Amino acid sequence: MMRNRFLRLILRVSFISLVSVLLCTACNSNVVFESTITMDNATWNKTDVAVFPFTPRDTITKYDVILEITNNNEYAYSNLYVFSDIRFPNKQFTRDTIEFFLADAAGEWTGKRWLSTHTNTFRFKQGIQFPYNGEYTFSLEQAMRCSNKECSLKGIEKITFTIVEQ
C-alpha cells in the first residue's frame, strides 16, 4: 500500500516536472514570425509566389531568416533555385537568386525524412536588421528552368518561412 502511494507520488512529480519543462521551453522561443505555405497537389508553379509579410518591432534587433523546404520523391531535381525578394516599407526592394541543395552528390535526399517526404532547413539570412519601421514583404518564387511549358515543379510540398530573433 505504501509502495503504491510512493510510486503514484513519483509519477505525479515526474509528470508535473515534464509539463513545466515543456512550458518553459515554449516560452523561451525566439521565433517572432512563422508561416507555412502548402503547395496544391505538391506542385510549385512558376506563377505561384509565396508571400510572407513581417513587421519588426524595432530597427535595432538582429534576426535570422530560416526556410524549410519539404519535397517528396516525385521531385525531379537535386536542387531548387529560388528568387527571393524583400520589399521595404519605403517601397525599395532587393532581389537575390538562391540555390538550395535538396540531395547530396550521390543523388540521395537530404534533410529530415518522414515516409516519402524530406524536409531541409536552410538559414538563408543571418543577423539582418530592418532599418525602417513598418511592414516588410518577403516573396519567394521558384526559378528553375523547366522542361514543361507551365514550368511546374512536381514534388515540392510546402515551404515554411521563419524569422528568429538573435
N, C-alpha and C. Protein backbone atom coordinates (compact mmCIF):
# COMPACT_ATOMS: atom_id res chain seq x y z
N MET A 1 0.81 -1.19 0.00
CA MET A 1 0.00 0.00 0.00
C MET A 1 0.86 1.27 0.00
N MET A 2 1.83 1.28 0.89
CA MET A 2 2.73 2.42 0.99
C MET A 2 3.55 2.56 -0.29
N ARG A 3 3.95 1.44 -0.86
CA ARG A 3 4.75 1.44 -2.09
C ARG A 3 3.94 2.02 -3.26
N ASN A 4 2.65 1.68 -3.37
CA ASN A 4 1.78 2.22 -4.43
C ASN A 4 1.65 3.73 -4.31
N ARG A 5 1.49 4.22 -3.09
CA ARG A 5 1.41 5.67 -2.88
C ARG A 5 2.71 6.36 -3.30
N PHE A 6 3.81 5.75 -2.94
CA PHE A 6 5.11 6.30 -3.30
C PHE A 6 5.28 6.35 -4.81
N LEU A 7 4.90 5.29 -5.52
CA LEU A 7 5.00 5.25 -6.98
C LEU A 7 4.09 6.29 -7.63
N ARG A 8 2.89 6.44 -7.11
CA ARG A 8 1.98 7.46 -7.64
C ARG A 8 2.54 8.86 -7.43
N LEU A 9 3.14 9.09 -6.27
CA LEU A 9 3.74 10.39 -6.00
C LEU A 9 4.89 10.67 -6.97
N ILE A 10 5.73 9.68 -7.20
CA ILE A 10 6.85 9.84 -8.14
C ILE A 10 6.32 10.12 -9.55
N LEU A 11 5.30 9.38 -9.98
CA LEU A 11 4.71 9.60 -11.29
C LEU A 11 4.11 11.01 -11.40
N ARG A 12 3.43 11.45 -10.36
CA ARG A 12 2.82 12.77 -10.37
C ARG A 12 3.89 13.86 -10.44
N VAL A 13 4.93 13.74 -9.64
CA VAL A 13 6.01 14.72 -9.64
C VAL A 13 6.73 14.71 -11.00
N SER A 14 6.96 13.54 -11.56
CA SER A 14 7.61 13.44 -12.87
C SER A 14 6.77 14.10 -13.95
N PHE A 15 5.46 13.87 -13.92
CA PHE A 15 4.57 14.46 -14.91
C PHE A 15 4.57 15.98 -14.79
N ILE A 16 4.46 16.50 -13.57
CA ILE A 16 4.46 17.94 -13.35
C ILE A 16 5.79 18.54 -13.80
N SER A 17 6.89 17.87 -13.52
CA SER A 17 8.20 18.36 -13.95
C SER A 17 8.30 18.42 -15.47
N LEU A 18 7.82 17.38 -16.14
CA LEU A 18 7.87 17.33 -17.60
C LEU A 18 7.03 18.45 -18.21
N VAL A 19 5.84 18.64 -17.70
CA VAL A 19 4.97 19.72 -18.20
C VAL A 19 5.63 21.08 -17.97
N SER A 20 6.24 21.28 -16.82
CA SER A 20 6.91 22.55 -16.52
C SER A 20 8.05 22.83 -17.48
N VAL A 21 8.86 21.81 -17.75
CA VAL A 21 9.98 21.96 -18.68
C VAL A 21 9.48 22.30 -20.07
N LEU A 22 8.43 21.61 -20.52
CA LEU A 22 7.88 21.89 -21.85
C LEU A 22 7.32 23.30 -21.94
N LEU A 23 6.62 23.75 -20.91
CA LEU A 23 6.07 25.10 -20.92
C LEU A 23 7.17 26.15 -20.92
N CYS A 24 8.19 25.95 -20.13
CA CYS A 24 9.30 26.91 -20.08
C CYS A 24 10.05 26.97 -21.40
N THR A 25 10.23 25.82 -22.04
CA THR A 25 10.90 25.77 -23.33
C THR A 25 10.09 26.53 -24.37
N ALA A 26 8.78 26.35 -24.37
CA ALA A 26 7.92 27.04 -25.32
C ALA A 26 7.94 28.55 -25.09
N CYS A 27 8.02 28.97 -23.85
CA CYS A 27 8.02 30.40 -23.52
C CYS A 27 9.31 31.09 -23.95
N ASN A 28 10.41 30.38 -24.04
CA ASN A 28 11.70 30.97 -24.34
C ASN A 28 12.04 30.95 -25.83
N SER A 29 11.10 30.60 -26.68
CA SER A 29 11.35 30.54 -28.10
C SER A 29 11.64 31.94 -28.63
N ASN A 30 12.60 32.03 -29.55
CA ASN A 30 12.95 33.30 -30.17
C ASN A 30 12.24 33.50 -31.50
N VAL A 31 11.33 32.63 -31.86
CA VAL A 31 10.59 32.75 -33.11
C VAL A 31 9.63 33.93 -33.00
N VAL A 32 9.77 34.90 -33.93
CA VAL A 32 8.88 36.05 -33.93
C VAL A 32 7.89 36.01 -35.08
N PHE A 33 8.15 35.16 -36.07
CA PHE A 33 7.23 35.01 -37.19
C PHE A 33 7.44 33.63 -37.79
N GLU A 34 6.33 32.96 -38.12
CA GLU A 34 6.42 31.67 -38.82
C GLU A 34 5.16 31.48 -39.64
N SER A 35 5.34 31.08 -40.88
CA SER A 35 4.21 30.83 -41.77
C SER A 35 4.59 29.71 -42.72
N THR A 36 3.62 28.83 -42.98
CA THR A 36 3.83 27.72 -43.90
C THR A 36 2.87 27.84 -45.06
N ILE A 37 3.40 27.66 -46.26
CA ILE A 37 2.58 27.62 -47.46
C ILE A 37 2.66 26.21 -48.03
N THR A 38 1.50 25.59 -48.16
CA THR A 38 1.41 24.24 -48.72
C THR A 38 1.03 24.36 -50.19
N MET A 39 1.79 23.67 -51.03
CA MET A 39 1.55 23.74 -52.47
C MET A 39 0.41 22.80 -52.86
N ASP A 40 -0.53 23.30 -53.67
CA ASP A 40 -1.61 22.46 -54.18
C ASP A 40 -1.03 21.31 -54.99
N ASN A 41 -1.50 20.10 -54.71
CA ASN A 41 -1.05 18.89 -55.40
C ASN A 41 0.46 18.71 -55.36
N ALA A 42 1.10 19.24 -54.33
CA ALA A 42 2.56 19.14 -54.17
C ALA A 42 3.28 19.61 -55.43
N THR A 43 2.80 20.74 -55.98
CA THR A 43 3.37 21.28 -57.21
C THR A 43 3.56 22.79 -57.05
N TRP A 44 4.78 23.26 -57.30
CA TRP A 44 5.07 24.69 -57.25
C TRP A 44 5.12 25.21 -58.67
N ASN A 45 4.09 25.94 -59.06
CA ASN A 45 4.02 26.50 -60.41
C ASN A 45 4.83 27.79 -60.49
N LYS A 46 5.28 28.09 -61.69
CA LYS A 46 6.08 29.30 -61.92
C LYS A 46 5.32 30.56 -61.49
N THR A 47 4.00 30.54 -61.64
CA THR A 47 3.20 31.72 -61.31
C THR A 47 2.85 31.82 -59.83
N ASP A 48 3.16 30.78 -59.04
CA ASP A 48 2.86 30.79 -57.60
C ASP A 48 3.99 31.47 -56.84
N VAL A 49 3.67 32.58 -56.21
CA VAL A 49 4.65 33.32 -55.42
C VAL A 49 4.26 33.19 -53.96
N ALA A 50 5.19 32.73 -53.14
CA ALA A 50 4.96 32.61 -51.70
C ALA A 50 5.29 33.96 -51.07
N VAL A 51 4.31 34.56 -50.38
CA VAL A 51 4.47 35.90 -49.83
C VAL A 51 4.34 35.83 -48.31
N PHE A 52 5.29 36.50 -47.62
CA PHE A 52 5.34 36.49 -46.17
C PHE A 52 5.53 37.92 -45.66
N PRO A 53 4.47 38.58 -45.19
CA PRO A 53 4.60 39.93 -44.63
C PRO A 53 5.08 39.88 -43.18
N PHE A 54 5.97 40.79 -42.81
CA PHE A 54 6.51 40.82 -41.46
C PHE A 54 6.75 42.25 -41.03
N THR A 55 6.32 42.58 -39.82
CA THR A 55 6.56 43.90 -39.24
C THR A 55 7.44 43.73 -38.01
N PRO A 56 8.71 44.14 -38.10
CA PRO A 56 9.60 44.03 -36.93
C PRO A 56 9.18 45.03 -35.85
N ARG A 57 9.55 44.70 -34.61
CA ARG A 57 9.16 45.57 -33.50
C ARG A 57 10.05 46.80 -33.35
N ASP A 58 11.28 46.72 -33.94
CA ASP A 58 12.18 47.87 -33.87
C ASP A 58 13.20 47.77 -35.00
N THR A 59 14.09 48.75 -35.06
CA THR A 59 15.10 48.78 -36.13
C THR A 59 16.49 48.36 -35.62
N ILE A 60 16.57 47.90 -34.39
CA ILE A 60 17.86 47.56 -33.77
C ILE A 60 18.09 46.06 -33.70
N THR A 61 17.06 45.30 -33.44
CA THR A 61 17.17 43.85 -33.22
C THR A 61 17.69 43.16 -34.47
N LYS A 62 18.52 42.14 -34.27
CA LYS A 62 19.03 41.31 -35.37
C LYS A 62 18.23 40.02 -35.44
N TYR A 63 18.02 39.58 -36.68
CA TYR A 63 17.20 38.40 -36.92
C TYR A 63 17.91 37.43 -37.87
N ASP A 64 17.51 36.17 -37.79
CA ASP A 64 17.87 35.15 -38.77
C ASP A 64 16.59 34.75 -39.48
N VAL A 65 16.70 34.52 -40.78
CA VAL A 65 15.57 34.05 -41.57
C VAL A 65 15.86 32.61 -41.98
N ILE A 66 14.91 31.73 -41.67
CA ILE A 66 15.09 30.30 -41.89
C ILE A 66 14.00 29.80 -42.83
N LEU A 67 14.41 28.99 -43.78
CA LEU A 67 13.47 28.37 -44.71
C LEU A 67 13.52 26.87 -44.53
N GLU A 68 12.34 26.26 -44.48
CA GLU A 68 12.24 24.80 -44.52
C GLU A 68 11.51 24.44 -45.80
N ILE A 69 12.15 23.62 -46.60
CA ILE A 69 11.56 23.19 -47.86
C ILE A 69 11.30 21.69 -47.75
N THR A 70 10.05 21.31 -47.98
CA THR A 70 9.66 19.90 -47.91
C THR A 70 9.33 19.42 -49.32
N ASN A 71 10.04 18.39 -49.73
CA ASN A 71 9.78 17.78 -51.04
C ASN A 71 9.48 16.30 -50.85
N ASN A 72 8.91 15.71 -51.88
CA ASN A 72 8.68 14.26 -51.85
C ASN A 72 9.50 13.59 -52.94
N ASN A 73 9.34 12.29 -53.07
CA ASN A 73 10.15 11.53 -54.03
C ASN A 73 9.84 11.83 -55.48
N GLU A 74 8.76 12.56 -55.75
CA GLU A 74 8.42 12.92 -57.13
C GLU A 74 9.22 14.11 -57.64
N TYR A 75 9.92 14.81 -56.76
CA TYR A 75 10.70 15.96 -57.19
C TYR A 75 11.84 15.46 -58.07
N ALA A 76 11.97 16.05 -59.25
CA ALA A 76 12.87 15.51 -60.28
C ALA A 76 14.30 16.05 -60.22
N TYR A 77 14.57 17.00 -59.34
CA TYR A 77 15.88 17.64 -59.32
C TYR A 77 16.54 17.46 -57.96
N SER A 78 17.85 17.70 -57.92
CA SER A 78 18.57 17.61 -56.64
C SER A 78 18.69 18.97 -55.97
N ASN A 79 18.34 20.03 -56.70
CA ASN A 79 18.45 21.38 -56.17
C ASN A 79 17.18 22.16 -56.48
N LEU A 80 17.12 23.37 -55.96
CA LEU A 80 15.98 24.25 -56.20
C LEU A 80 16.50 25.68 -56.24
N TYR A 81 16.29 26.36 -57.37
CA TYR A 81 16.62 27.78 -57.47
C TYR A 81 15.38 28.59 -57.11
N VAL A 82 15.61 29.65 -56.33
CA VAL A 82 14.51 30.49 -55.86
C VAL A 82 14.91 31.95 -56.01
N PHE A 83 13.97 32.78 -56.52
CA PHE A 83 14.13 34.23 -56.47
C PHE A 83 13.58 34.68 -55.12
N SER A 84 14.38 35.44 -54.39
CA SER A 84 13.98 35.94 -53.08
C SER A 84 13.93 37.46 -53.14
N ASP A 85 12.74 38.02 -52.93
CA ASP A 85 12.57 39.47 -52.91
C ASP A 85 12.24 39.92 -51.49
N ILE A 86 12.78 41.08 -51.12
CA ILE A 86 12.38 41.74 -49.88
C ILE A 86 11.95 43.14 -50.26
N ARG A 87 10.69 43.46 -49.98
CA ARG A 87 10.17 44.81 -50.24
C ARG A 87 10.13 45.55 -48.91
N PHE A 88 10.78 46.70 -48.88
CA PHE A 88 10.90 47.52 -47.68
C PHE A 88 9.69 48.43 -47.53
N PRO A 89 9.45 48.96 -46.32
CA PRO A 89 8.33 49.89 -46.12
C PRO A 89 8.41 51.14 -47.01
N ASN A 90 9.63 51.54 -47.40
CA ASN A 90 9.79 52.73 -48.25
C ASN A 90 9.71 52.39 -49.74
N LYS A 91 9.22 51.18 -50.05
CA LYS A 91 8.99 50.70 -51.42
C LYS A 91 10.24 50.26 -52.16
N GLN A 92 11.43 50.39 -51.58
CA GLN A 92 12.63 49.83 -52.17
C GLN A 92 12.56 48.32 -52.04
N PHE A 93 13.35 47.60 -52.86
CA PHE A 93 13.38 46.16 -52.70
C PHE A 93 14.73 45.60 -53.13
N THR A 94 15.00 44.41 -52.64
CA THR A 94 16.20 43.68 -53.05
C THR A 94 15.76 42.35 -53.63
N ARG A 95 16.57 41.83 -54.55
CA ARG A 95 16.26 40.52 -55.15
C ARG A 95 17.55 39.71 -55.19
N ASP A 96 17.44 38.47 -54.72
CA ASP A 96 18.55 37.51 -54.76
C ASP A 96 18.08 36.26 -55.47
N THR A 97 19.01 35.55 -56.06
CA THR A 97 18.75 34.21 -56.58
C THR A 97 19.52 33.25 -55.69
N ILE A 98 18.81 32.28 -55.13
CA ILE A 98 19.41 31.37 -54.16
C ILE A 98 19.25 29.94 -54.67
N GLU A 99 20.30 29.15 -54.51
CA GLU A 99 20.22 27.73 -54.85
C GLU A 99 20.21 26.92 -53.56
N PHE A 100 19.20 26.07 -53.42
CA PHE A 100 19.10 25.17 -52.28
C PHE A 100 19.35 23.75 -52.76
N PHE A 101 20.23 23.04 -52.07
CA PHE A 101 20.50 21.64 -52.41
C PHE A 101 19.61 20.74 -51.56
N LEU A 102 18.81 19.91 -52.22
CA LEU A 102 17.88 19.01 -51.55
C LEU A 102 18.38 17.58 -51.55
N ALA A 103 19.44 17.31 -52.31
CA ALA A 103 20.03 15.98 -52.37
C ALA A 103 21.55 16.12 -52.38
N ASP A 104 22.22 15.06 -51.98
CA ASP A 104 23.69 15.09 -51.96
C ASP A 104 24.24 14.74 -53.35
N ALA A 105 25.57 14.69 -53.47
CA ALA A 105 26.22 14.43 -54.76
C ALA A 105 25.86 13.07 -55.35
N ALA A 106 25.49 12.12 -54.48
CA ALA A 106 25.12 10.78 -54.95
C ALA A 106 23.64 10.71 -55.34
N GLY A 107 22.91 11.82 -55.18
CA GLY A 107 21.50 11.84 -55.53
C GLY A 107 20.57 11.40 -54.42
N GLU A 108 21.10 11.22 -53.21
CA GLU A 108 20.28 10.83 -52.06
C GLU A 108 19.67 12.08 -51.43
N TRP A 109 18.38 11.99 -51.12
CA TRP A 109 17.72 13.13 -50.48
C TRP A 109 18.36 13.43 -49.13
N THR A 110 18.45 14.70 -48.80
CA THR A 110 19.00 15.12 -47.51
C THR A 110 17.85 15.63 -46.64
N GLY A 111 18.16 16.01 -45.43
CA GLY A 111 17.16 16.56 -44.52
C GLY A 111 16.45 15.49 -43.72
N LYS A 112 15.47 15.94 -42.96
CA LYS A 112 14.68 15.03 -42.12
C LYS A 112 13.70 14.27 -43.00
N ARG A 113 13.67 12.97 -42.80
CA ARG A 113 12.80 12.14 -43.63
C ARG A 113 11.59 11.68 -42.82
N TRP A 114 10.43 11.75 -43.47
CA TRP A 114 9.20 11.21 -42.90
C TRP A 114 8.46 10.54 -44.04
N LEU A 115 8.43 9.20 -44.02
CA LEU A 115 7.85 8.40 -45.10
C LEU A 115 8.50 8.80 -46.42
N SER A 116 7.74 9.38 -47.35
CA SER A 116 8.33 9.74 -48.64
C SER A 116 8.64 11.24 -48.76
N THR A 117 8.60 11.97 -47.64
CA THR A 117 8.92 13.40 -47.68
C THR A 117 10.25 13.66 -47.00
N HIS A 118 10.86 14.75 -47.44
CA HIS A 118 12.17 15.16 -46.93
C HIS A 118 12.12 16.66 -46.67
N THR A 119 12.50 17.06 -45.46
CA THR A 119 12.46 18.48 -45.09
C THR A 119 13.88 18.96 -44.80
N ASN A 120 14.30 19.95 -45.57
CA ASN A 120 15.61 20.56 -45.38
C ASN A 120 15.43 21.95 -44.77
N THR A 121 16.29 22.28 -43.82
CA THR A 121 16.25 23.57 -43.15
C THR A 121 17.46 24.38 -43.59
N PHE A 122 17.20 25.60 -44.04
CA PHE A 122 18.25 26.49 -44.51
C PHE A 122 18.16 27.82 -43.77
N ARG A 123 19.28 28.25 -43.22
CA ARG A 123 19.37 29.58 -42.60
C ARG A 123 19.90 30.49 -43.71
N PHE A 124 18.98 31.15 -44.41
CA PHE A 124 19.43 31.86 -45.61
C PHE A 124 19.67 33.35 -45.42
N LYS A 125 19.28 33.91 -44.31
CA LYS A 125 19.67 35.28 -43.95
C LYS A 125 20.06 35.24 -42.48
N GLN A 126 21.23 35.80 -42.16
CA GLN A 126 21.70 35.77 -40.78
C GLN A 126 22.04 37.18 -40.31
N GLY A 127 21.61 37.47 -39.10
CA GLY A 127 21.99 38.74 -38.47
C GLY A 127 21.49 39.97 -39.21
N ILE A 128 20.32 39.87 -39.85
CA ILE A 128 19.82 41.03 -40.58
C ILE A 128 19.06 41.96 -39.64
N GLN A 129 19.12 43.23 -39.97
CA GLN A 129 18.35 44.24 -39.25
C GLN A 129 17.41 44.89 -40.25
N PHE A 130 16.30 45.37 -39.75
CA PHE A 130 15.32 46.06 -40.58
C PHE A 130 15.44 47.55 -40.30
N PRO A 131 16.00 48.33 -41.23
CA PRO A 131 16.35 49.73 -40.94
C PRO A 131 15.18 50.70 -40.87
N TYR A 132 13.99 50.28 -41.35
CA TYR A 132 12.83 51.19 -41.36
C TYR A 132 11.70 50.58 -40.54
N ASN A 133 10.92 51.43 -39.91
CA ASN A 133 9.71 50.96 -39.25
C ASN A 133 8.66 50.65 -40.31
N GLY A 134 7.85 49.63 -40.05
CA GLY A 134 6.78 49.29 -40.98
C GLY A 134 6.88 47.86 -41.47
N GLU A 135 6.04 47.54 -42.44
CA GLU A 135 5.93 46.16 -42.93
C GLU A 135 6.93 45.87 -44.05
N TYR A 136 7.60 44.73 -43.90
CA TYR A 136 8.49 44.19 -44.93
C TYR A 136 7.77 42.99 -45.54
N THR A 137 7.92 42.83 -46.85
CA THR A 137 7.29 41.70 -47.52
C THR A 137 8.37 40.85 -48.17
N PHE A 138 8.45 39.60 -47.73
CA PHE A 138 9.36 38.63 -48.32
C PHE A 138 8.57 37.83 -49.35
N SER A 139 9.15 37.66 -50.54
CA SER A 139 8.50 36.88 -51.58
C SER A 139 9.47 35.83 -52.10
N LEU A 140 8.97 34.62 -52.31
CA LEU A 140 9.77 33.54 -52.86
C LEU A 140 9.09 33.00 -54.11
N GLU A 141 9.87 32.88 -55.17
CA GLU A 141 9.35 32.40 -56.44
C GLU A 141 10.33 31.37 -56.99
N GLN A 142 9.82 30.22 -57.41
CA GLN A 142 10.73 29.21 -57.94
C GLN A 142 11.34 29.72 -59.24
N ALA A 143 12.62 29.45 -59.43
CA ALA A 143 13.37 30.00 -60.57
C ALA A 143 14.05 28.90 -61.37
N MET A 144 13.42 27.73 -61.43
CA MET A 144 14.02 26.60 -62.15
C MET A 144 13.78 26.73 -63.65
N ARG A 145 14.70 26.17 -64.43
CA ARG A 145 14.49 26.02 -65.87
C ARG A 145 13.78 24.69 -66.04
N CYS A 146 12.57 24.75 -66.48
CA CYS A 146 11.74 23.55 -66.50
C CYS A 146 11.61 22.97 -67.91
N SER A 147 11.30 21.69 -67.93
CA SER A 147 11.10 21.02 -69.21
C SER A 147 9.65 21.12 -69.67
N ASN A 148 8.72 21.40 -68.78
CA ASN A 148 7.31 21.53 -69.20
C ASN A 148 6.96 23.00 -69.42
N LYS A 149 5.96 23.24 -70.28
CA LYS A 149 5.59 24.59 -70.68
C LYS A 149 5.17 25.47 -69.49
N GLU A 150 4.41 24.89 -68.56
CA GLU A 150 3.93 25.66 -67.41
C GLU A 150 5.02 25.90 -66.37
N CYS A 151 6.10 25.17 -66.49
CA CYS A 151 7.21 25.24 -65.53
C CYS A 151 6.70 24.95 -64.11
N SER A 152 6.01 23.84 -63.99
CA SER A 152 5.52 23.42 -62.67
C SER A 152 6.46 22.37 -62.10
N LEU A 153 6.82 22.57 -60.83
CA LEU A 153 7.73 21.65 -60.14
C LEU A 153 6.92 20.69 -59.29
N LYS A 154 6.75 19.49 -59.78
CA LYS A 154 6.02 18.46 -59.03
C LYS A 154 6.94 17.91 -57.94
N GLY A 155 6.40 17.77 -56.75
CA GLY A 155 7.17 17.20 -55.66
C GLY A 155 7.55 18.18 -54.56
N ILE A 156 7.31 19.46 -54.76
CA ILE A 156 7.53 20.44 -53.68
C ILE A 156 6.22 20.53 -52.90
N GLU A 157 6.24 20.11 -51.65
CA GLU A 157 5.02 20.04 -50.85
C GLU A 157 4.72 21.32 -50.08
N LYS A 158 5.74 21.86 -49.42
CA LYS A 158 5.48 23.07 -48.62
C LYS A 158 6.77 23.82 -48.34
N ILE A 159 6.58 25.08 -47.98
CA ILE A 159 7.68 25.96 -47.58
C ILE A 159 7.28 26.60 -46.26
N THR A 160 8.16 26.50 -45.28
CA THR A 160 7.95 27.17 -44.01
C THR A 160 8.98 28.28 -43.88
N PHE A 161 8.50 29.47 -43.60
CA PHE A 161 9.31 30.67 -43.51
C PHE A 161 9.29 31.12 -42.05
N THR A 162 10.47 31.21 -41.45
CA THR A 162 10.57 31.55 -40.02
C THR A 162 11.56 32.67 -39.82
N ILE A 163 11.18 33.61 -38.95
CA ILE A 163 12.10 34.68 -38.56
C ILE A 163 12.35 34.52 -37.06
N VAL A 164 13.65 34.47 -36.70
CA VAL A 164 14.07 34.21 -35.33
C VAL A 164 14.88 35.40 -34.84
N GLU A 165 14.55 35.88 -33.67
CA GLU A 165 15.31 36.95 -33.05
C GLU A 165 16.61 36.37 -32.49
N GLN A 166 17.72 37.06 -32.75
CA GLN A 166 19.01 36.58 -32.22
C GLN A 166 19.15 36.87 -30.75
